[in-house]
Amino acid sequence: MNQYGAGMRRDLKILVRRMLNRREPYTIAMVTERIQGSTSGFEFMILGTDISTKVLERAAKAVYRMERAETVPAQIKKKYLLRSKDREKNLVKIAPEVSIMSAFAD
C-alpha cells in the first residue's frame, strides 16, 4: 500500500519533448529545485528530448549567451547562473545543482 506523508519518498519525472530553445529543462529544474528544498522526500528528474542531436548536444553543455538571461529575475540568476570567467564572452552556465537534474536523449 502506498502512503504519502512525512518521511515518504516522492519521485517526479518530467519529460520535455521537442525543446524549442534548449533551456526548457533547466527552467523547469530551477522551479522544481525550489520546491524540493521545502519538501521532504521529494526527488525529481527531467528528461529533455529532441530529434536534433545538435540541439541535445548544445543543451547538455548548459552554456548560454548572457542576453538569454536578461529576463530572468535577479535572485534566480544569482542562485542558478554562473558567469563566464572571461567577461568578454558574455556567457552564463547553468549551476551544477540544476544541470545534474536534467538529462538529454533523442
Protein backbone atom coordinates (compact mmCIF):
# COMPACT_ATOMS: atom_id res chain seq x y z
CA MET A 1 0.00 0.00 0.00
CA ASN A 2 1.39 3.41 -0.97
CA GLN A 3 1.06 6.12 1.64
CA TYR A 4 2.20 9.67 1.21
CA GLY A 5 3.22 11.64 4.24
CA ALA A 6 6.15 12.61 6.40
CA GLY A 7 9.21 10.52 5.68
CA MET A 8 7.88 9.08 2.42
CA ARG A 9 9.77 9.49 -0.83
CA ARG A 10 8.05 11.09 -3.79
CA ASP A 11 9.56 10.84 -7.28
CA LEU A 12 8.60 13.13 -10.14
CA LYS A 13 9.83 12.51 -13.68
CA ILE A 14 9.26 15.25 -16.25
CA LEU A 15 9.61 14.76 -19.99
CA VAL A 16 10.30 17.80 -22.18
CA ARG A 17 9.71 16.93 -25.82
CA ARG A 18 10.92 18.97 -28.78
CA MET A 19 12.93 21.64 -27.00
CA LEU A 20 12.48 24.94 -28.77
CA ASN A 21 15.26 26.91 -27.13
CA ARG A 22 17.25 24.24 -25.22
CA ARG A 23 16.56 26.00 -21.90
CA GLU A 24 13.23 24.41 -21.00
CA PRO A 25 14.60 21.52 -18.89
CA TYR A 26 16.77 23.91 -16.89
CA THR A 27 13.93 26.37 -16.32
CA ILE A 28 11.76 23.53 -15.02
CA ALA A 29 14.66 22.27 -12.87
CA MET A 30 15.13 25.72 -11.28
CA VAL A 31 11.47 25.94 -10.32
CA THR A 32 11.30 22.33 -9.14
CA GLU A 33 14.53 22.61 -7.14
CA ARG A 34 12.96 25.41 -5.12
CA ILE A 35 10.03 23.11 -4.29
CA GLN A 36 12.39 20.25 -3.47
CA GLY A 37 14.19 22.40 -0.91
CA SER A 38 10.99 22.90 1.07
CA THR A 39 9.52 19.40 0.65
CA SER A 40 11.00 16.40 2.41
CA GLY A 41 11.46 13.22 0.35
CA PHE A 42 10.78 14.92 -2.98
CA GLU A 43 13.07 13.80 -5.84
CA PHE A 44 12.77 14.69 -9.49
CA MET A 45 14.45 14.14 -12.84
CA ILE A 46 13.91 15.97 -16.10
CA LEU A 47 14.49 14.38 -19.50
CA GLY A 48 14.82 16.72 -22.46
CA THR A 49 14.29 15.13 -25.88
CA ASP A 50 14.55 16.36 -29.43
CA ILE A 51 15.03 14.83 -32.87
CA SER A 52 18.07 17.04 -33.42
CA THR A 53 21.26 15.69 -31.86
CA LYS A 54 22.76 19.16 -32.32
CA VAL A 55 20.07 20.66 -30.08
CA LEU A 56 20.67 17.94 -27.48
CA GLU A 57 24.45 18.43 -27.51
CA ARG A 58 24.11 22.18 -27.08
CA ALA A 59 21.54 21.79 -24.31
CA ALA A 60 23.74 19.33 -22.42
CA LYS A 61 26.57 21.90 -22.33
CA ALA A 62 24.32 24.19 -20.26
CA VAL A 63 26.01 27.35 -21.59
CA TYR A 64 24.06 30.32 -22.93
CA ARG A 65 24.60 33.90 -24.02
CA MET A 66 24.03 36.42 -21.25
CA GLU A 67 21.33 38.13 -23.35
CA ARG A 68 19.18 35.00 -23.00
CA ALA A 69 19.13 35.54 -19.22
CA GLU A 70 18.12 39.19 -19.27
CA THR A 71 14.51 38.45 -18.31
CA VAL A 72 15.46 36.04 -15.51
CA PRO A 73 14.76 37.54 -12.06
CA ALA A 74 17.93 38.67 -10.23
CA GLN A 75 17.56 36.21 -7.33
CA ILE A 76 17.24 33.29 -9.77
CA LYS A 77 20.28 34.48 -11.76
CA LYS A 78 22.33 34.78 -8.60
CA LYS A 79 21.45 31.28 -7.42
CA TYR A 80 21.43 29.27 -10.65
CA LEU A 81 23.55 31.04 -13.30
CA LEU A 82 27.34 31.23 -13.26
CA ARG A 83 29.02 33.99 -15.26
CA SER A 84 31.93 33.14 -17.50
CA LYS A 85 35.36 33.92 -16.06
CA ASP A 86 36.09 35.66 -19.34
CA ARG A 87 33.70 38.63 -19.07
CA GLU A 88 34.18 39.50 -22.74
CA LYS A 89 32.43 36.28 -23.79
CA ASN A 90 29.14 37.29 -22.10
CA LEU A 91 28.24 33.68 -21.30
CA VAL A 92 26.43 32.04 -18.40
CA LYS A 93 26.48 28.41 -17.35
CA ILE A 94 23.68 26.64 -15.54
CA ALA A 95 24.75 25.85 -11.95
CA PRO A 96 25.64 22.18 -11.30
CA GLU A 97 22.86 21.67 -8.76
CA VAL A 98 20.39 22.35 -11.59
CA SER A 99 22.20 20.76 -14.52
CA ILE A 100 22.62 17.39 -12.74
CA MET A 101 18.83 17.13 -12.50
CA SER A 102 18.48 17.18 -16.29
CA ALA A 103 19.35 14.54 -18.87
CA PHE A 104 19.04 14.66 -22.65
CA ALA A 105 18.21 11.95 -25.19
CA ASP A 106 16.79 11.63 -28.69
